Amino acid sequence: MIALDSDFTEVALDQVRVKDSSTVGIVAGPTGSTITVKGEQFTFAVEYMPDTTYYWKVRVDYTEVGDPTTYEYGPVRGQWSEVRSFTVIEAPVTPPVEVAPTPEITVSVPPAPTVILPAPEIIIPTPEIVLPAPQVTLPPSPAPVAPIPGWALYLIIIIGAVLVIALIVLILRTRRPV
């Protein structure tokens, strides 16, 4: 908390919560401001009035079990530190920085070198393939079939003719007159 008087009746900056990897605390800072925690230093953007004395104090709030990973305001409040003060002095006037114009830079790139590579001579030897002659084994031929006797051939033709005539007669007898 930061105030313009040591009794903190005229508060300049309200309390804000600060946490880092190991502590949770309240330090002076405007509500909603961003506070940077680095080691034991707290930094936040505040515009102080020159030639003014400010008074400050801090305290730490923690949970009953003391778990620093919860980062919540705990029911156990620490004691306020001793009141200290600081005075803001007038910032020195710094002359404006003059930036000289940069000269125009010209970069010349030499042309790419011409590289000629001879074509490689590729020789592929013809492979020599030697295949062994296949062994063919033929089974013995079957015994020759006896020829059909001439009378059997005539008998087959006569039986076929009788069957065809019987079929025609059967078809004609079963036909109905129209």
C-alpha atoms as a PDB file:
ATOM      1  CA  MET A   1       0.000   0.000   0.000  1.00  0.00           C
ATOM      2  CA  ILE A   2       1.364   3.446  -0.866  1.00  0.00           C
ATOM      3  CA  ALA A   3       0.006   6.656   0.634  1.00  0.00           C
ATOM      4  CA  LEU A   4       0.787  10.367   0.710  1.00  0.00           C
ATOM      5  CA  ASP A   5       0.808  10.379   4.521  1.00  0.00           C
ATOM      6  CA  SER A   6       2.279   8.030   7.113  1.00  0.00           C
ATOM      7  CA  ASP A   7      -1.188   7.237   8.564  1.00  0.00           C
ATOM      8  CA  PHE A   8      -2.358   5.897   5.174  1.00  0.00           C
ATOM      9  CA  THR A   9      -5.508   8.018   5.186  1.00  0.00           C
ATOM     10  CA  GLU A  10      -4.688   9.423   1.736  1.00  0.00           C
ATOM     11  CA  VAL A  11      -3.945   6.243  -0.242  1.00  0.00           C
ATOM     12  CA  ALA A  12      -2.151   6.828  -3.547  1.00  0.00           C
ATOM     13  CA  LEU A  13      -2.067   3.181  -4.643  1.00  0.00           C
ATOM     14  CA  ASP A  14      -4.365   0.414  -3.468  1.00  0.00           C
ATOM     15  CA  GLN A  15      -3.383  -3.139  -2.502  1.00  0.00           C
ATOM     16  CA  VAL A  16      -2.825  -5.697  -5.242  1.00  0.00           C
ATOM     17  CA  ARG A  17      -2.014  -9.350  -5.081  1.00  0.00           C
ATOM     18  CA  VAL A  18       1.417 -10.600  -6.191  1.00  0.00           C
ATOM     19  CA  LYS A  19       2.464 -14.198  -6.598  1.00  0.00           C
ATOM     20  CA  ASP A  20       5.564 -15.948  -7.865  1.00  0.00           C
ATOM     21  CA  SER A  21       6.638 -19.564  -7.801  1.00  0.00           C
ATOM     22  CA  SER A  22       7.054 -19.613  -4.027  1.00  0.00           C
ATOM     23  CA  THR A  23       5.084 -16.768  -2.396  1.00  0.00           C
ATOM     24  CA  VAL A  24       1.766 -14.987  -2.472  1.00  0.00           C
ATOM     25  CA  GLY A  25       1.647 -11.494  -1.112  1.00  0.00           C
ATOM     26  CA  ILE A  26       0.116  -8.063  -1.351  1.00  0.00           C
ATOM     27  CA  VAL A  27       2.264  -5.147  -2.426  1.00  0.00           C
ATOM     28  CA  ALA A  28       1.432  -1.623  -3.429  1.00  0.00           C
ATOM     29  CA  GLY A  29       0.162  -1.195  -6.951  1.00  0.00           C
ATOM     30  CA  PRO A  30      -2.785   0.200  -8.855  1.00  0.00           C
ATOM     31  CA  THR A  31      -5.804  -2.074  -9.165  1.00  0.00           C
ATOM     32  CA  GLY A  32      -5.521  -4.171 -12.294  1.00  0.00           C
ATOM     33  CA  SER A  33      -1.893  -3.185 -12.906  1.00  0.00           C
ATOM     34  CA  THR A  34       0.709  -5.634 -14.105  1.00  0.00           C
ATOM     35  CA  ILE A  35       3.381  -6.326 -11.559  1.00  0.00           C
ATOM     36  CA  THR A  36       6.629  -8.015 -12.487  1.00  0.00           C
ATOM     37  CA  VAL A  37       8.169 -10.217  -9.828  1.00  0.00           C
ATOM     38  CA  LYS A  38      11.886 -10.848 -10.246  1.00  0.00           C
ATOM     39  CA  GLY A  39      13.610 -12.409  -7.276  1.00  0.00           C
ATOM     40  CA  GLU A  40      12.774 -10.080  -4.401  1.00  0.00           C
ATOM     41  CA  GLN A  41      11.983  -7.064  -6.626  1.00  0.00           C
ATOM     42  CA  PHE A  42       8.501  -5.967  -7.624  1.00  0.00           C
ATOM     43  CA  THR A  43       8.083  -3.634 -10.597  1.00  0.00           C
ATOM     44  CA  PHE A  44       4.893  -2.017 -11.858  1.00  0.00           C
ATOM     45  CA  ALA A  45       4.145   0.982 -14.060  1.00  0.00           C
ATOM     46  CA  VAL A  46       3.043   3.939 -11.921  1.00  0.00           C
ATOM     47  CA  GLU A  47       3.460   7.644 -12.583  1.00  0.00           C
ATOM     48  CA  TYR A  48       4.604   9.373  -9.401  1.00  0.00           C
ATOM     49  CA  MET A  49       4.471  13.135  -8.945  1.00  0.00           C
ATOM     50  CA  PRO A  50       7.907  14.788  -8.732  1.00  0.00           C
ATOM     51  CA  ASP A  51       9.070  16.347  -5.445  1.00  0.00           C
ATOM     52  CA  THR A  52       6.564  14.245  -3.472  1.00  0.00           C
ATOM     53  CA  THR A  53       7.227  11.932  -0.531  1.00  0.00           C
ATOM     54  CA  TYR A  54       5.351   8.629  -0.512  1.00  0.00           C
ATOM     55  CA  TYR A  55       4.940   6.165   2.377  1.00  0.00           C
ATOM     56  CA  TRP A  56       4.665   2.407   1.852  1.00  0.00           C
ATOM     57  CA  LYS A  57       4.097  -0.837   3.736  1.00  0.00           C
ATOM     58  CA  VAL A  58       3.543  -4.508   2.787  1.00  0.00           C
ATOM     59  CA  ARG A  59       2.057  -7.670   4.272  1.00  0.00           C
ATOM     60  CA  VAL A  60       1.673 -11.331   3.297  1.00  0.00           C
ATOM     61  CA  ASP A  61      -1.602 -13.263   3.312  1.00  0.00           C
ATOM     62  CA  TYR A  62      -1.475 -17.059   3.329  1.00  0.00           C
ATOM     63  CA  THR A  63      -3.681 -20.077   3.795  1.00  0.00           C
ATOM     64  CA  GLU A  64      -3.950 -21.856   7.120  1.00  0.00           C
ATOM     65  CA  VAL A  65      -2.066 -24.871   5.829  1.00  0.00           C
ATOM     66  CA  GLY A  66       0.557 -22.621   4.310  1.00  0.00           C
ATOM     67  CA  ASP A  67       0.191 -24.071   0.799  1.00  0.00           C
ATOM     68  CA  PRO A  68       1.937 -21.588  -1.533  1.00  0.00           C
ATOM     69  CA  THR A  69       0.614 -23.362  -4.641  1.00  0.00           C
ATOM     70  CA  THR A  70      -3.007 -22.291  -4.102  1.00  0.00           C
ATOM     71  CA  TYR A  71      -2.285 -18.578  -4.699  1.00  0.00           C
ATOM     72  CA  GLU A  72      -5.510 -17.620  -2.993  1.00  0.00           C
ATOM     73  CA  TYR A  73      -6.043 -15.001  -0.354  1.00  0.00           C
ATOM     74  CA  GLY A  74      -5.972 -16.995   2.810  1.00  0.00           C
ATOM     75  CA  PRO A  75      -7.858 -16.409   6.003  1.00  0.00           C
ATOM     76  CA  VAL A  76      -4.563 -15.802   7.796  1.00  0.00           C
ATOM     77  CA  ARG A  77      -3.312 -12.264   7.284  1.00  0.00           C
ATOM     78  CA  GLY A  78       0.230 -11.301   8.058  1.00  0.00           C
ATOM     79  CA  GLN A  79       1.245  -8.185   9.934  1.00  0.00           C
ATOM     80  CA  TRP A  80       1.926  -4.944   8.071  1.00  0.00           C
ATOM     81  CA  SER A  81       5.585  -4.154   7.723  1.00  0.00           C
ATOM     82  CA  GLU A  82       7.127  -1.067   9.245  1.00  0.00           C
ATOM     83  CA  VAL A  83       6.178   2.130   7.361  1.00  0.00           C
ATOM     84  CA  ARG A  84       8.922   3.393   5.071  1.00  0.00           C
ATOM     85  CA  SER A  85       9.101   6.353   2.726  1.00  0.00           C
ATOM     86  CA  PHE A  86      10.656   7.488  -0.513  1.00  0.00           C
ATOM     87  CA  THR A  87      10.769  10.833  -2.312  1.00  0.00           C
ATOM     88  CA  VAL A  88      10.395  11.206  -6.057  1.00  0.00           C
ATOM     89  CA  ILE A  89      12.820  13.686  -7.574  1.00  0.00           C
ATOM     90  CA  GLU A  90      12.474  15.508 -10.866  1.00  0.00           C
ATOM     91  CA  ALA A  91      13.631  13.317 -13.727  1.00  0.00           C
ATOM     92  CA  PRO A  92      16.617  14.782 -15.590  1.00  0.00           C
ATOM     93  CA  VAL A  93      15.850  16.183 -19.002  1.00  0.00           C
ATOM     94  CA  THR A  94      17.389  14.046 -21.672  1.00  0.00           C
ATOM     95  CA  PRO A  95      18.089  15.582 -25.057  1.00  0.00           C
ATOM     96  CA  PRO A  96      16.257  14.003 -27.954  1.00  0.00           C
ATOM     97  CA  VAL A  97      18.145  11.286 -29.724  1.00  0.00           C
ATOM     98  CA  GLU A  98      19.121  12.212 -33.250  1.00  0.00           C
ATOM     99  CA  VAL A  99      19.266   9.364 -35.679  1.00  0.00           C
ATOM    100  CA  ALA A 100      21.416   9.968 -38.734  1.00  0.00           C
ATOM    101  CA  PRO A 101      19.873   8.813 -41.986  1.00  0.00           C
ATOM    102  CA  THR A 102      21.341   5.562 -43.150  1.00  0.00           C
ATOM    103  CA  PRO A 103      23.191   5.685 -46.453  1.00  0.00           C
ATOM    104  CA  GLU A 104      21.788   3.720 -49.351  1.00  0.00           C
ATOM    105  CA  ILE A 105      23.311   0.273 -49.432  1.00  0.00           C
ATOM    106  CA  THR A 106      24.079  -1.344 -52.765  1.00  0.00           C
ATOM    107  CA  VAL A 107      24.861  -5.014 -52.797  1.00  0.00           C
ATOM    108  CA  SER A 108      26.320  -6.440 -55.990  1.00  0.00           C
ATOM    109  CA  VAL A 109      26.150 -10.159 -56.468  1.00  0.00           C
ATOM    110  CA  PRO A 110      28.511 -11.743 -59.008  1.00  0.00           C
ATOM    111  CA  PRO A 111      26.904 -14.052 -61.546  1.00  0.00           C
ATOM    112  CA  ALA A 112      26.691 -17.680 -60.612  1.00  0.00           C
ATOM    113  CA  PRO A 113      29.626 -19.745 -61.901  1.00  0.00           C
ATOM    114  CA  THR A 114      29.039 -22.156 -64.757  1.00  0.00           C
ATOM    115  CA  VAL A 115      29.743 -25.707 -63.721  1.00  0.00           C
ATOM    116  CA  ILE A 116      30.076 -28.380 -66.401  1.00  0.00           C
ATOM    117  CA  LEU A 117      30.235 -31.953 -65.241  1.00  0.00           C
ATOM    118  CA  PRO A 118      31.106 -34.720 -67.714  1.00  0.00           C
ATOM    119  CA  ALA A 119      28.496 -37.416 -68.064  1.00  0.00           C
ATOM    120  CA  PRO A 120      29.495 -40.446 -66.047  1.00  0.00           C
ATOM    121  CA  GLU A 121      30.333 -43.617 -67.941  1.00  0.00           C
ATOM    122  CA  ILE A 122      27.986 -46.315 -66.744  1.00  0.00           C
ATOM    123  CA  ILE A 123      28.874 -49.889 -67.640  1.00  0.00           C
ATOM    124  CA  ILE A 124      26.420 -52.593 -66.684  1.00  0.00           C
ATOM    125  CA  PRO A 125      27.876 -56.070 -67.223  1.00  0.00           C
ATOM    126  CA  THR A 126      25.575 -58.618 -68.824  1.00  0.00           C
ATOM    127  CA  PRO A 127      24.857 -61.313 -66.302  1.00  0.00           C
ATOM    128  CA  GLU A 128      25.549 -64.882 -67.335  1.00  0.00           C
ATOM    129  CA  ILE A 129      22.507 -67.019 -66.638  1.00  0.00           C
ATOM    130  CA  VAL A 130      22.953 -70.798 -66.737  1.00  0.00           C
ATOM    131  CA  LEU A 131      19.809 -72.863 -66.345  1.00  0.00           C
ATOM    132  CA  PRO A 132      20.101 -76.632 -65.994  1.00  0.00           C
ATOM    133  CA  ALA A 133      18.155 -78.668 -68.544  1.00  0.00           C
ATOM    134  CA  PRO A 134      14.846 -79.838 -67.104  1.00  0.00           C
ATOM    135  CA  GLN A 135      14.392 -83.571 -66.632  1.00  0.00           C
ATOM    136  CA  VAL A 136      11.170 -84.743 -68.236  1.00  0.00           C
ATOM    137  CA  THR A 137       9.852 -88.160 -67.259  1.00  0.00           C
ATOM    138  CA  LEU A 138       6.975 -89.523 -69.357  1.00  0.00           C
ATOM    139  CA  PRO A 139       4.667 -92.153 -67.892  1.00  0.00           C
ATOM    140  CA  PRO A 140       4.243 -95.347 -69.929  1.00  0.00           C
ATOM    141  CA  SER A 141       1.564 -95.072 -72.579  1.00  0.00           C
ATOM    142  CA  PRO A 142      -1.690 -96.968 -71.986  1.00  0.00           C
ATOM    143  CA  ALA A 143      -2.413-100.195 -73.859  1.00  0.00           C
ATOM    144  CA  PRO A 144      -3.989 -99.661 -77.288  1.00  0.00           C
ATOM    145  CA  VAL A 145      -7.769 -99.837 -77.458  1.00  0.00           C
ATOM    146  CA  ALA A 146      -9.177-102.725 -79.500  1.00  0.00           C
ATOM    147  CA  PRO A 147     -10.882-101.585 -82.697  1.00  0.00           C
ATOM    148  CA  ILE A 148     -14.697-101.626 -82.843  1.00  0.00           C
ATOM    149  CA  PRO A 149     -15.936-104.531 -85.016  1.00  0.00           C
ATOM    150  CA  GLY A 150     -17.887-103.523 -88.130  1.00  0.00           C
ATOM    151  CA  TRP A 151     -21.121-105.288 -87.112  1.00  0.00           C
ATOM    152  CA  ALA A 152     -21.219-103.245 -83.810  1.00  0.00           C
ATOM    153  CA  LEU A 153     -21.051 -99.968 -85.729  1.00  0.00           C
ATOM    154  CA  TYR A 154     -24.000-100.998 -87.932  1.00  0.00           C
ATOM    155  CA  LEU A 155     -25.987-102.083 -84.868  1.00  0.00           C
ATOM    156  CA  ILE A 156     -25.522 -98.648 -83.229  1.00  0.00           C
ATOM    157  CA  ILE A 157     -26.771 -96.866 -86.398  1.00  0.00           C
ATOM    158  CA  ILE A 158     -29.885 -99.116 -86.699  1.00  0.00           C
ATOM    159  CA  ILE A 159     -30.849 -98.634 -83.023  1.00  0.00           C
ATOM    160  CA  GLY A 160     -30.494 -94.845 -83.414  1.00  0.00           C
ATOM    161  CA  ALA A 161     -32.740 -94.819 -86.510  1.00  0.00           C
ATOM    162  CA  VAL A 162     -35.451 -96.907 -84.747  1.00  0.00           C
ATOM    163  CA  LEU A 163     -35.439 -94.482 -81.781  1.00  0.00           C
ATOM    164  CA  VAL A 164     -35.854 -91.439 -84.065  1.00  0.00           C
ATOM    165  CA  ILE A 165     -38.810 -93.067 -85.905  1.00  0.00           C
ATOM    166  CA  ALA A 166     -40.451 -94.004 -82.590  1.00  0.00           C
ATOM    167  CA  LEU A 167     -40.099 -90.414 -81.376  1.00  0.00           C
ATOM    168  CA  ILE A 168     -41.737 -88.994 -84.505  1.00  0.00           C
ATOM    169  CA  VAL A 169     -44.676 -91.452 -84.252  1.00  0.00           C
ATOM    170  CA  LEU A 170     -45.158 -90.592 -80.595  1.00  0.00           C
ATOM    171  CA  ILE A 171     -45.244 -86.868 -81.322  1.00  0.00           C
ATOM    172  CA  LEU A 172     -47.778 -87.250 -84.141  1.00  0.00           C
ATOM    173  CA  ARG A 173     -50.138 -89.466 -82.090  1.00  0.00           C
ATOM    174  CA  THR A 174     -50.286 -87.126 -79.146  1.00  0.00           C
ATOM    175  CA  ARG A 175     -51.107 -84.107 -81.255  1.00  0.00           C
ATOM    176  CA  ARG A 176     -54.644 -82.832 -81.004  1.00  0.00           C
ATOM    177  CA  PRO A 177     -56.520 -81.791 -84.050  1.00  0.00           C
ATOM    178  CA  VAL A 178     -56.947 -78.107 -84.373  1.00  0.00           C
END
